């Protein structure tokens, strides 16, 4: 079993050093993809992975930097074979359901609402609306080139939050135990809600296999739910930001950022509390220095952590061994 960090950049601004956030977990040749950020379709084949091996996609939350390439996997990789004869087979997709309502504007005041008839679509609605938006292209390709009907390539699941958990767009991440969202012959996938500003639902995922376990934090600030989910995991892939000494961001905005993310200087303590065997940083956002000072980040991440802390690069492979 191994992990490939296809893209490691936080978003949504487009940066040239790294592709958008997306990570592949490969178990006995089957690929499970977590998030589909900018460029991930191309990064997938750069990593030497085959679309025909993709089993499932898991979306942590519906911010654009996590789904920018999502429909490309269906619409492009599934339209027909590439030069190597590879194309997408039908896959399962798991992601957040509808939020149900929108929060007020940060800082107060009025703000417009895009698509007021359905302003908070979940994974299933999002996919259906993508199919509608690209209908002309799909209909022409199906008639002119014999391409697959994209609707036949994907089985979309809005993840249902267990009814006893009092979660909502007002209380986005109440204390909870993880719950299973999918299992097959390779993996058992569990999820937990994590706090990511006003975003709801926002999930972290854990994959348990016969070779070990891998936990994906998704986007989150400090979270006891994540620590519970990641307990004794072999690999914890965690997001991180650096905002210390950021002179180009107002203090109010910096405070707001830290309601959604974990500082790299504090992420080691999260991994230590979870008793994670290895910490890999991805979804990297540095508001102070570019290009990223990798050694400095790894030094920060090691503070308070007794395991190995790494900053992932795009297209890096990590072998997962049970600790």
C-alpha atoms as a PDB file:
ATOM      1  CA  UNK A   1       0.000   0.000   0.000  1.00  0.00           C
ATOM      2  CA  UNK A   2       1.238   3.475  -0.777  1.00  0.00           C
ATOM      3  CA  UNK A   3       0.125   7.098  -0.927  1.00  0.00           C
ATOM      4  CA  UNK A   4       0.815   9.508  -3.775  1.00  0.00           C
ATOM      5  CA  UNK A   5       0.394  13.221  -3.112  1.00  0.00           C
ATOM      6  CA  UNK A   6      -0.791  14.296  -6.550  1.00  0.00           C
ATOM      7  CA  UNK A   7      -1.107  17.955  -5.555  1.00  0.00           C
ATOM      8  CA  UNK A   8      -0.268  19.648  -2.275  1.00  0.00           C
ATOM      9  CA  UNK A   9      -1.262  23.302  -2.622  1.00  0.00           C
ATOM     10  CA  UNK A  10      -3.850  25.019  -0.469  1.00  0.00           C
ATOM     11  CA  UNK A  11      -6.236  27.260  -2.358  1.00  0.00           C
ATOM     12  CA  UNK A  12      -8.096  28.784  -3.953  1.00  0.00           C
ATOM     13  CA  UNK A  13      -5.407  31.157  -5.376  1.00  0.00           C
ATOM     14  CA  UNK A  14      -3.476  29.502  -8.203  1.00  0.00           C
ATOM     15  CA  UNK A  15       0.227  29.116  -7.416  1.00  0.00           C
ATOM     16  CA  UNK A  16       2.873  27.858  -9.828  1.00  0.00           C
ATOM     17  CA  UNK A  17       4.961  25.796  -7.401  1.00  0.00           C
ATOM     18  CA  UNK A  18       2.331  23.154  -6.609  1.00  0.00           C
ATOM     19  CA  UNK A  19      -0.813  21.600  -8.082  1.00  0.00           C
ATOM     20  CA  UNK A  20      -4.126  21.666  -6.248  1.00  0.00           C
ATOM     21  CA  UNK A  21      -4.872  19.344  -3.363  1.00  0.00           C
ATOM     22  CA  UNK A  22      -5.439  15.699  -4.266  1.00  0.00           C
ATOM     23  CA  UNK A  23      -4.090  12.460  -2.829  1.00  0.00           C
ATOM     24  CA  UNK A  24      -4.247   8.882  -4.079  1.00  0.00           C
ATOM     25  CA  UNK A  25      -4.184   5.796  -1.870  1.00  0.00           C
ATOM     26  CA  UNK A  26      -3.234   2.613  -3.715  1.00  0.00           C
ATOM     27  CA  UNK A  27      -4.157  -0.741  -2.163  1.00  0.00           C
ATOM     28  CA  UNK A  28      -3.356  -3.927  -4.096  1.00  0.00           C
ATOM     29  CA  UNK A  29      -3.531  -1.961  -7.341  1.00  0.00           C
ATOM     30  CA  UNK A  30      -6.879  -0.297  -6.616  1.00  0.00           C
ATOM     31  CA  UNK A  31      -6.845   3.498  -6.366  1.00  0.00           C
ATOM     32  CA  UNK A  32      -8.869   5.572  -3.906  1.00  0.00           C
ATOM     33  CA  UNK A  33      -8.727   9.316  -4.493  1.00  0.00           C
ATOM     34  CA  UNK A  34      -9.223  11.948  -1.801  1.00  0.00           C
ATOM     35  CA  UNK A  35     -10.140  15.354  -3.261  1.00  0.00           C
ATOM     36  CA  UNK A  36      -9.727  16.498  -6.845  1.00  0.00           C
ATOM     37  CA  UNK A  37      -8.006  19.878  -6.807  1.00  0.00           C
ATOM     38  CA  UNK A  38      -6.656  21.890  -9.708  1.00  0.00           C
ATOM     39  CA  UNK A  39      -4.694  19.767 -12.173  1.00  0.00           C
ATOM     40  CA  UNK A  40      -5.321  16.455 -10.437  1.00  0.00           C
ATOM     41  CA  UNK A  41      -6.531  14.659 -13.572  1.00  0.00           C
ATOM     42  CA  UNK A  42      -3.191  15.266 -15.286  1.00  0.00           C
ATOM     43  CA  UNK A  43      -1.220  14.683 -12.073  1.00  0.00           C
ATOM     44  CA  UNK A  44      -2.962  11.311 -11.788  1.00  0.00           C
ATOM     45  CA  UNK A  45      -1.383  10.042 -15.000  1.00  0.00           C
ATOM     46  CA  UNK A  46       1.934  11.773 -14.227  1.00  0.00           C
ATOM     47  CA  UNK A  47       1.978   9.568 -11.121  1.00  0.00           C
ATOM     48  CA  UNK A  48       1.775   6.470 -13.308  1.00  0.00           C
ATOM     49  CA  UNK A  49      -1.759   5.617 -12.207  1.00  0.00           C
ATOM     50  CA  UNK A  50      -4.396   4.179 -14.520  1.00  0.00           C
ATOM     51  CA  UNK A  51      -7.914   5.564 -14.651  1.00  0.00           C
ATOM     52  CA  UNK A  52      -9.237   2.027 -15.012  1.00  0.00           C
ATOM     53  CA  UNK A  53      -7.817   1.273 -11.535  1.00  0.00           C
ATOM     54  CA  UNK A  54      -9.751   4.102  -9.847  1.00  0.00           C
ATOM     55  CA  UNK A  55     -12.354   2.608  -7.511  1.00  0.00           C
ATOM     56  CA  UNK A  56     -13.719   5.571  -5.584  1.00  0.00           C
ATOM     57  CA  UNK A  57     -13.407   9.314  -5.052  1.00  0.00           C
ATOM     58  CA  UNK A  58     -13.853  10.860  -1.606  1.00  0.00           C
ATOM     59  CA  UNK A  59     -14.428  14.607  -1.329  1.00  0.00           C
ATOM     60  CA  UNK A  60     -13.722  16.185   2.053  1.00  0.00           C
ATOM     61  CA  UNK A  61     -15.757  19.348   1.458  1.00  0.00           C
ATOM     62  CA  UNK A  62     -17.087  21.430  -1.383  1.00  0.00           C
ATOM     63  CA  UNK A  63     -14.644  24.329  -1.540  1.00  0.00           C
ATOM     64  CA  UNK A  64     -13.567  24.886  -5.141  1.00  0.00           C
ATOM     65  CA  UNK A  65      -9.898  24.083  -4.508  1.00  0.00           C
ATOM     66  CA  UNK A  66     -10.925  20.522  -3.556  1.00  0.00           C
ATOM     67  CA  UNK A  67     -13.257  19.848  -6.488  1.00  0.00           C
ATOM     68  CA  UNK A  68     -11.846  21.902  -9.382  1.00  0.00           C
ATOM     69  CA  UNK A  69     -10.915  18.785 -11.388  1.00  0.00           C
ATOM     70  CA  UNK A  70     -13.617  16.472 -10.044  1.00  0.00           C
ATOM     71  CA  UNK A  71     -15.827  16.418 -13.104  1.00  0.00           C
ATOM     72  CA  UNK A  72     -12.809  16.139 -15.413  1.00  0.00           C
ATOM     73  CA  UNK A  73     -12.287  12.607 -14.130  1.00  0.00           C
ATOM     74  CA  UNK A  74     -15.782  11.767 -15.360  1.00  0.00           C
ATOM     75  CA  UNK A  75     -16.107  13.983 -18.433  1.00  0.00           C
ATOM     76  CA  UNK A  76     -12.570  13.633 -19.853  1.00  0.00           C
ATOM     77  CA  UNK A  77     -10.967  10.499 -18.387  1.00  0.00           C
ATOM     78  CA  UNK A  78     -14.240   8.665 -18.961  1.00  0.00           C
ATOM     79  CA  UNK A  79     -14.994   9.891 -22.473  1.00  0.00           C
ATOM     80  CA  UNK A  80     -12.806   7.352 -24.233  1.00  0.00           C
ATOM     81  CA  UNK A  81      -9.389   5.650 -24.116  1.00  0.00           C
ATOM     82  CA  UNK A  82      -6.239   7.761 -24.134  1.00  0.00           C
ATOM     83  CA  UNK A  83      -3.077   6.929 -26.109  1.00  0.00           C
ATOM     84  CA  UNK A  84      -2.294   4.035 -23.741  1.00  0.00           C
ATOM     85  CA  UNK A  85      -5.811   2.627 -24.054  1.00  0.00           C
ATOM     86  CA  UNK A  86      -6.723   3.703 -20.535  1.00  0.00           C
ATOM     87  CA  UNK A  87     -10.043   5.218 -19.518  1.00  0.00           C
ATOM     88  CA  UNK A  88     -12.256   5.506 -16.476  1.00  0.00           C
ATOM     89  CA  UNK A  89     -14.545   2.647 -15.528  1.00  0.00           C
ATOM     90  CA  UNK A  90     -17.674   3.331 -13.431  1.00  0.00           C
ATOM     91  CA  UNK A  91     -16.708   4.613  -9.980  1.00  0.00           C
ATOM     92  CA  UNK A  92     -18.321   5.461  -6.661  1.00  0.00           C
ATOM     93  CA  UNK A  93     -18.134   8.985  -5.277  1.00  0.00           C
ATOM     94  CA  UNK A  94     -18.629   9.940  -1.636  1.00  0.00           C
ATOM     95  CA  UNK A  95     -18.926  13.487  -0.389  1.00  0.00           C
ATOM     96  CA  UNK A  96     -20.890  15.993   1.644  1.00  0.00           C
ATOM     97  CA  UNK A  97     -24.619  16.361   1.309  1.00  0.00           C
ATOM     98  CA  UNK A  98     -26.331  19.768   1.168  1.00  0.00           C
ATOM     99  CA  UNK A  99     -25.459  22.244   3.921  1.00  0.00           C
ATOM    100  CA  UNK A 100     -29.102  23.263   4.204  1.00  0.00           C
ATOM    101  CA  UNK A 101     -28.495  26.990   4.724  1.00  0.00           C
ATOM    102  CA  UNK A 102     -25.849  29.682   4.360  1.00  0.00           C
ATOM    103  CA  UNK A 103     -24.040  31.623   7.085  1.00  0.00           C
ATOM    104  CA  UNK A 104     -24.021  35.386   7.302  1.00  0.00           C
ATOM    105  CA  UNK A 105     -21.267  37.423   5.646  1.00  0.00           C
ATOM    106  CA  UNK A 106     -17.952  37.546   7.491  1.00  0.00           C
ATOM    107  CA  UNK A 107     -17.636  41.017   8.964  1.00  0.00           C
ATOM    108  CA  UNK A 108     -21.327  41.768   8.454  1.00  0.00           C
ATOM    109  CA  UNK A 109     -23.113  43.548   5.635  1.00  0.00           C
ATOM    110  CA  UNK A 110     -25.011  42.371   2.588  1.00  0.00           C
ATOM    111  CA  UNK A 111     -23.867  39.837   0.025  1.00  0.00           C
ATOM    112  CA  UNK A 112     -25.450  38.292  -3.051  1.00  0.00           C
ATOM    113  CA  UNK A 113     -26.425  34.634  -3.350  1.00  0.00           C
ATOM    114  CA  UNK A 114     -25.452  32.537  -6.353  1.00  0.00           C
ATOM    115  CA  UNK A 115     -28.204  30.141  -7.495  1.00  0.00           C
ATOM    116  CA  UNK A 116     -30.763  31.201  -4.891  1.00  0.00           C
ATOM    117  CA  UNK A 117     -33.067  28.297  -5.789  1.00  0.00           C
ATOM    118  CA  UNK A 118     -30.383  25.805  -4.690  1.00  0.00           C
ATOM    119  CA  UNK A 119     -27.543  27.738  -3.009  1.00  0.00           C
ATOM    120  CA  UNK A 120     -26.063  24.810  -1.030  1.00  0.00           C
ATOM    121  CA  UNK A 121     -25.925  21.776  -3.338  1.00  0.00           C
ATOM    122  CA  UNK A 122     -24.338  18.604  -2.051  1.00  0.00           C
ATOM    123  CA  UNK A 123     -22.229  16.095  -3.952  1.00  0.00           C
ATOM    124  CA  UNK A 124     -25.113  14.490  -5.826  1.00  0.00           C
ATOM    125  CA  UNK A 125     -26.661  17.780  -6.936  1.00  0.00           C
ATOM    126  CA  UNK A 126     -23.255  19.184  -7.867  1.00  0.00           C
ATOM    127  CA  UNK A 127     -22.566  16.196 -10.117  1.00  0.00           C
ATOM    128  CA  UNK A 128     -25.971  16.403 -11.763  1.00  0.00           C
ATOM    129  CA  UNK A 129     -25.553  20.123 -12.404  1.00  0.00           C
ATOM    130  CA  UNK A 130     -22.104  19.510 -13.931  1.00  0.00           C
ATOM    131  CA  UNK A 131     -23.726  16.959 -16.238  1.00  0.00           C
ATOM    132  CA  UNK A 132     -26.277  19.575 -17.255  1.00  0.00           C
ATOM    133  CA  UNK A 133     -23.706  22.348 -17.684  1.00  0.00           C
ATOM    134  CA  UNK A 134     -21.595  20.178 -20.008  1.00  0.00           C
ATOM    135  CA  UNK A 135     -24.579  18.545 -21.704  1.00  0.00           C
ATOM    136  CA  UNK A 136     -23.817  19.903 -25.168  1.00  0.00           C
ATOM    137  CA  UNK A 137     -20.233  18.646 -25.119  1.00  0.00           C
ATOM    138  CA  UNK A 138     -21.283  15.238 -23.812  1.00  0.00           C
ATOM    139  CA  UNK A 139     -24.156  14.903 -26.271  1.00  0.00           C
ATOM    140  CA  UNK A 140     -21.932  15.776 -29.232  1.00  0.00           C
ATOM    141  CA  UNK A 141     -19.147  13.394 -28.158  1.00  0.00           C
ATOM    142  CA  UNK A 142     -21.674  10.590 -27.591  1.00  0.00           C
ATOM    143  CA  UNK A 143     -23.047  11.091 -31.112  1.00  0.00           C
ATOM    144  CA  UNK A 144     -19.850  11.956 -32.966  1.00  0.00           C
ATOM    145  CA  UNK A 145     -17.218   9.824 -31.213  1.00  0.00           C
ATOM    146  CA  UNK A 146     -19.113   7.082 -29.428  1.00  0.00           C
ATOM    147  CA  UNK A 147     -18.071   8.459 -26.045  1.00  0.00           C
ATOM    148  CA  UNK A 148     -19.533   7.118 -22.831  1.00  0.00           C
ATOM    149  CA  UNK A 149     -22.532   8.767 -21.240  1.00  0.00           C
ATOM    150  CA  UNK A 150     -20.934  10.489 -18.210  1.00  0.00           C
ATOM    151  CA  UNK A 151     -24.016   9.748 -16.121  1.00  0.00           C
ATOM    152  CA  UNK A 152     -23.245   6.030 -16.415  1.00  0.00           C
ATOM    153  CA  UNK A 153     -19.704   6.437 -15.057  1.00  0.00           C
ATOM    154  CA  UNK A 154     -20.450   7.609 -11.542  1.00  0.00           C
ATOM    155  CA  UNK A 155     -22.536   6.492  -8.578  1.00  0.00           C
ATOM    156  CA  UNK A 156     -22.716   9.486  -6.250  1.00  0.00           C
ATOM    157  CA  UNK A 157     -23.330   9.170  -2.530  1.00  0.00           C
ATOM    158  CA  UNK A 158     -24.163  12.116  -0.293  1.00  0.00           C
ATOM    159  CA  UNK A 159     -22.711  11.032   3.043  1.00  0.00           C
ATOM    160  CA  UNK A 160     -25.479  10.908   5.613  1.00  0.00           C
ATOM    161  CA  UNK A 161     -24.551  12.092   9.091  1.00  0.00           C
ATOM    162  CA  UNK A 162     -25.882   9.690  11.747  1.00  0.00           C
ATOM    163  CA  UNK A 163     -29.162  11.006  13.098  1.00  0.00           C
ATOM    164  CA  UNK A 164     -28.051  11.113  16.726  1.00  0.00           C
ATOM    165  CA  UNK A 165     -25.313  13.652  15.927  1.00  0.00           C
ATOM    166  CA  UNK A 166     -26.706  17.214  16.321  1.00  0.00           C
ATOM    167  CA  UNK A 167     -24.713  18.708  13.449  1.00  0.00           C
ATOM    168  CA  UNK A 168     -25.860  21.591  11.276  1.00  0.00           C
ATOM    169  CA  UNK A 169     -24.507  24.640   9.476  1.00  0.00           C
ATOM    170  CA  UNK A 170     -24.708  26.359  12.881  1.00  0.00           C
ATOM    171  CA  UNK A 171     -22.891  23.610  14.823  1.00  0.00           C
ATOM    172  CA  UNK A 172     -20.664  22.122  12.137  1.00  0.00           C
ATOM    173  CA  UNK A 173     -18.548  19.715  14.174  1.00  0.00           C
ATOM    174  CA  UNK A 174     -20.087  18.544  17.451  1.00  0.00           C
ATOM    175  CA  UNK A 175     -18.169  15.940  19.436  1.00  0.00           C
ATOM    176  CA  UNK A 176     -18.766  12.557  17.824  1.00  0.00           C
ATOM    177  CA  UNK A 177     -17.417   9.096  17.175  1.00  0.00           C
ATOM    178  CA  UNK A 178     -16.313   8.185  13.647  1.00  0.00           C
ATOM    179  CA  UNK A 179     -18.775   6.321  11.444  1.00  0.00           C
ATOM    180  CA  UNK A 180     -18.233   3.987   8.483  1.00  0.00           C
ATOM    181  CA  UNK A 181     -19.116   5.412   5.074  1.00  0.00           C
ATOM    182  CA  UNK A 182     -17.824   2.640   2.800  1.00  0.00           C
ATOM    183  CA  UNK A 183     -16.203  -0.764   2.855  1.00  0.00           C
ATOM    184  CA  UNK A 184     -15.030  -3.071   0.105  1.00  0.00           C
ATOM    185  CA  UNK A 185     -12.536  -5.919  -0.258  1.00  0.00           C
ATOM    186  CA  UNK A 186      -9.571  -3.559   0.315  1.00  0.00           C
ATOM    187  CA  UNK A 187     -10.594  -0.786   2.694  1.00  0.00           C
ATOM    188  CA  UNK A 188     -12.924   0.298   5.446  1.00  0.00           C
ATOM    189  CA  UNK A 189     -13.461   4.052   5.224  1.00  0.00           C
ATOM    190  CA  UNK A 190     -14.619   5.997   8.266  1.00  0.00           C
ATOM    191  CA  UNK A 191     -15.435   9.688   8.524  1.00  0.00           C
ATOM    192  CA  UNK A 192     -15.838  12.371  11.124  1.00  0.00           C
ATOM    193  CA  UNK A 193     -16.949  15.980  10.946  1.00  0.00           C
ATOM    194  CA  UNK A 194     -14.187  18.547  11.399  1.00  0.00           C
ATOM    195  CA  UNK A 195     -14.423  22.328  11.939  1.00  0.00           C
ATOM    196  CA  UNK A 196     -13.521  24.334   8.845  1.00  0.00           C
ATOM    197  CA  UNK A 197     -14.910  27.798   9.424  1.00  0.00           C
ATOM    198  CA  UNK A 198     -18.538  28.013   8.266  1.00  0.00           C
ATOM    199  CA  UNK A 199     -18.262  25.051   5.874  1.00  0.00           C
ATOM    200  CA  UNK A 200     -20.715  22.203   6.471  1.00  0.00           C
ATOM    201  CA  UNK A 201     -20.338  19.307   6.135  1.00  0.00           C
ATOM    202  CA  UNK A 202     -16.551  19.075   6.174  1.00  0.00           C
ATOM    203  CA  UNK A 203     -15.120  15.582   6.621  1.00  0.00           C
ATOM    204  CA  UNK A 204     -11.889  13.892   7.630  1.00  0.00           C
ATOM    205  CA  UNK A 205     -11.462  10.300   6.406  1.00  0.00           C
ATOM    206  CA  UNK A 206      -9.659   7.240   7.708  1.00  0.00           C
ATOM    207  CA  UNK A 207      -8.817   4.213   5.552  1.00  0.00           C
ATOM    208  CA  UNK A 208      -8.161   0.942   7.381  1.00  0.00           C
ATOM    209  CA  UNK A 209      -6.588  -1.923   5.430  1.00  0.00           C
ATOM    210  CA  UNK A 210      -4.753  -5.157   6.122  1.00  0.00           C
ATOM    211  CA  UNK A 211      -1.516  -3.221   5.524  1.00  0.00           C
ATOM    212  CA  UNK A 212      -2.201  -0.389   7.957  1.00  0.00           C
ATOM    213  CA  UNK A 213      -4.214   2.809   8.211  1.00  0.00           C
ATOM    214  CA  UNK A 214      -4.099   6.244   6.599  1.00  0.00           C
ATOM    215  CA  UNK A 215      -6.014   9.280   7.874  1.00  0.00           C
ATOM    216  CA  UNK A 216      -6.750  12.435   5.875  1.00  0.00           C
ATOM    217  CA  UNK A 217      -7.516  15.531   7.926  1.00  0.00           C
ATOM    218  CA  UNK A 218      -9.266  17.429   5.170  1.00  0.00           C
ATOM    219  CA  UNK A 219      -9.363  21.142   5.915  1.00  0.00           C
ATOM    220  CA  UNK A 220      -9.712  21.733   9.636  1.00  0.00           C
ATOM    221  CA  UNK A 221      -8.721  23.824  12.572  1.00  0.00           C
ATOM    222  CA  UNK A 222      -7.784  21.991  15.798  1.00  0.00           C
ATOM    223  CA  UNK A 223     -10.258  19.123  16.169  1.00  0.00           C
ATOM    224  CA  UNK A 224     -10.837  16.543  18.871  1.00  0.00           C
ATOM    225  CA  UNK A 225     -12.951  14.639  16.343  1.00  0.00           C
ATOM    226  CA  UNK A 226      -9.917  14.323  14.080  1.00  0.00           C
ATOM    227  CA  UNK A 227      -7.728  13.147  16.949  1.00  0.00           C
ATOM    228  CA  UNK A 228     -10.284  10.448  17.766  1.00  0.00           C
ATOM    229  CA  UNK A 229     -10.536   9.395  14.115  1.00  0.00           C
ATOM    230  CA  UNK A 230      -6.749   9.300  13.676  1.00  0.00           C
ATOM    231  CA  UNK A 231      -5.968   7.418  16.893  1.00  0.00           C
ATOM    232  CA  UNK A 232      -2.854   5.230  16.332  1.00  0.00           C
ATOM    233  CA  UNK A 233      -3.030   5.697  12.574  1.00  0.00           C
ATOM    234  CA  UNK A 234       0.066   4.672  10.633  1.00  0.00           C
ATOM    235  CA  UNK A 235       0.029   7.821   8.493  1.00  0.00           C
ATOM    236  CA  UNK A 236      -1.704  11.127   9.177  1.00  0.00           C
ATOM    237  CA  UNK A 237      -1.907  13.475   6.199  1.00  0.00           C
ATOM    238  CA  UNK A 238      -2.682  16.861   7.698  1.00  0.00           C
ATOM    239  CA  UNK A 239      -3.177  20.340   6.276  1.00  0.00           C
ATOM    240  CA  UNK A 240      -1.162  23.283   7.599  1.00  0.00           C
ATOM    241  CA  UNK A 241      -0.699  27.029   7.212  1.00  0.00           C
ATOM    242  CA  UNK A 242       1.966  29.527   8.179  1.00  0.00           C
ATOM    243  CA  UNK A 243       0.694  33.012   8.970  1.00  0.00           C
ATOM    244  CA  UNK A 244       3.217  34.135  11.571  1.00  0.00           C
ATOM    245  CA  UNK A 245       4.843  37.442  10.670  1.00  0.00           C
ATOM    246  CA  UNK A 246       2.495  37.783   7.708  1.00  0.00           C
ATOM    247  CA  UNK A 247       2.564  41.525   7.072  1.00  0.00           C
ATOM    248  CA  UNK A 248       0.317  41.564   4.006  1.00  0.00           C
ATOM    249  CA  UNK A 249      -2.791  40.135   5.699  1.00  0.00           C
ATOM    250  CA  UNK A 250      -4.946  42.147   8.150  1.00  0.00           C
ATOM    251  CA  UNK A 251      -5.073  40.792  11.701  1.00  0.00           C
ATOM    252  CA  UNK A 252      -8.818  40.212  11.416  1.00  0.00           C
ATOM    253  CA  UNK A 253      -8.308  38.024   8.351  1.00  0.00           C
ATOM    254  CA  UNK A 254      -5.473  36.099  10.022  1.00  0.00           C
ATOM    255  CA  UNK A 255      -7.754  35.307  12.938  1.00  0.00           C
ATOM    256  CA  UNK A 256     -10.409  34.166  10.489  1.00  0.00           C
ATOM    257  CA  UNK A 257      -7.892  31.882   8.712  1.00  0.00           C
ATOM    258  CA  UNK A 258      -7.077  30.177  12.005  1.00  0.00           C
ATOM    259  CA  UNK A 259     -10.758  29.381  12.497  1.00  0.00           C
ATOM    260  CA  UNK A 260     -10.392  27.123   9.454  1.00  0.00           C
ATOM    261  CA  UNK A 261      -6.810  25.802   9.509  1.00  0.00           C
ATOM    262  CA  UNK A 262      -4.011  24.564  11.785  1.00  0.00           C
ATOM    263  CA  UNK A 263      -0.705  26.399  12.030  1.00  0.00           C
ATOM    264  CA  UNK A 264       2.305  24.348  10.979  1.00  0.00           C
ATOM    265  CA  UNK A 265       3.902  25.302  14.297  1.00  0.00           C
ATOM    266  CA  UNK A 266       1.088  23.464  16.124  1.00  0.00           C
ATOM    267  CA  UNK A 267       0.353  20.506  13.886  1.00  0.00           C
ATOM    268  CA  UNK A 268       2.965  18.247  15.523  1.00  0.00           C
ATOM    269  CA  UNK A 269       1.042  18.393  18.787  1.00  0.00           C
ATOM    270  CA  UNK A 270      -2.066  17.181  16.940  1.00  0.00           C
ATOM    271  CA  UNK A 271      -0.187  14.177  15.550  1.00  0.00           C
ATOM    272  CA  UNK A 272       1.271  13.437  18.988  1.00  0.00           C
ATOM    273  CA  UNK A 273      -2.154  13.500  20.636  1.00  0.00           C
ATOM    274  CA  UNK A 274      -3.456  11.152  17.959  1.00  0.00           C
ATOM    275  CA  UNK A 275      -0.425   8.867  18.446  1.00  0.00           C
ATOM    276  CA  UNK A 276       0.068   8.889  14.683  1.00  0.00           C
ATOM    277  CA  UNK A 277       3.137   6.945  13.557  1.00  0.00           C
ATOM    278  CA  UNK A 278       4.002   9.347  10.723  1.00  0.00           C
ATOM    279  CA  UNK A 279       2.906  12.897   9.886  1.00  0.00           C
ATOM    280  CA  UNK A 280       2.806  14.115   6.295  1.00  0.00           C
ATOM    281  CA  UNK A 281       1.906  17.733   5.624  1.00  0.00           C
ATOM    282  CA  UNK A 282      -0.128  18.588   2.564  1.00  0.00           C
ATOM    283  CA  UNK A 283      -2.669  21.265   1.558  1.00  0.00           C
ATOM    284  CA  UNK A 284       0.158  23.675   2.264  1.00  0.00           C
ATOM    285  CA  UNK A 285      -0.486  27.381   2.657  1.00  0.00           C
ATOM    286  CA  UNK A 286       2.333  29.768   3.517  1.00  0.00           C
ATOM    287  CA  UNK A 287       1.260  33.414   3.695  1.00  0.00           C
ATOM    288  CA  UNK A 288       4.806  34.596   4.457  1.00  0.00           C
ATOM    289  CA  UNK A 289       7.402  32.937   2.213  1.00  0.00           C
ATOM    290  CA  UNK A 290       7.487  31.618  -1.354  1.00  0.00           C
ATOM    291  CA  UNK A 291       8.871  29.254  -2.442  1.00  0.00           C
ATOM    292  CA  UNK A 292       8.139  27.165   0.621  1.00  0.00           C
ATOM    293  CA  UNK A 293      11.009  26.809   3.147  1.00  0.00           C
ATOM    294  CA  UNK A 294      10.590  23.040   3.456  1.00  0.00           C
ATOM    295  CA  UNK A 295      13.250  22.426   6.115  1.00  0.00           C
ATOM    296  CA  UNK A 296      11.812  25.177   8.298  1.00  0.00           C
ATOM    297  CA  UNK A 297       8.328  23.732   7.931  1.00  0.00           C
ATOM    298  CA  UNK A 298       9.537  20.255   8.871  1.00  0.00           C
ATOM    299  CA  UNK A 299      11.300  21.683  11.919  1.00  0.00           C
ATOM    300  CA  UNK A 300       8.116  23.449  12.977  1.00  0.00           C
ATOM    301  CA  UNK A 301       6.014  20.321  12.424  1.00  0.00           C
ATOM    302  CA  UNK A 302       8.402  18.251  14.552  1.00  0.00           C
ATOM    303  CA  UNK A 303       7.801  20.404  17.628  1.00  0.00           C
ATOM    304  CA  UNK A 304       5.925  18.361  20.194  1.00  0.00           C
ATOM    305  CA  UNK A 305       5.855  15.259  17.991  1.00  0.00           C
ATOM    306  CA  UNK A 306       7.820  12.073  18.640  1.00  0.00           C
ATOM    307  CA  UNK A 307       7.299  10.594  15.165  1.00  0.00           C
ATOM    308  CA  UNK A 308       8.582  11.533  11.715  1.00  0.00           C
ATOM    309  CA  UNK A 309       7.205  14.725  10.150  1.00  0.00           C
ATOM    310  CA  UNK A 310       7.495  15.395   6.414  1.00  0.00           C
ATOM    311  CA  UNK A 311       6.331  18.091   4.030  1.00  0.00           C
ATOM    312  CA  UNK A 312       4.966  16.407   0.922  1.00  0.00           C
ATOM    313  CA  UNK A 313       5.901  17.440  -2.591  1.00  0.00           C
ATOM    314  CA  UNK A 314       3.672  16.984  -5.612  1.00  0.00           C
ATOM    315  CA  UNK A 315       3.841  13.441  -7.027  1.00  0.00           C
ATOM    316  CA  UNK A 316       5.688  12.075  -4.001  1.00  0.00           C
ATOM    317  CA  UNK A 317       5.201   8.402  -3.110  1.00  0.00           C
ATOM    318  CA  UNK A 318       4.994   7.224   0.503  1.00  0.00           C
ATOM    319  CA  UNK A 319       5.004   3.547   1.452  1.00  0.00           C
ATOM    320  CA  UNK A 320       2.608   2.728   4.288  1.00  0.00           C
ATOM    321  CA  UNK A 321       3.672   0.089   6.781  1.00  0.00           C
ATOM    322  CA  UNK A 322       1.751  -0.961   9.842  1.00  0.00           C
ATOM    323  CA  UNK A 323       3.486   0.495  12.886  1.00  0.00           C
END
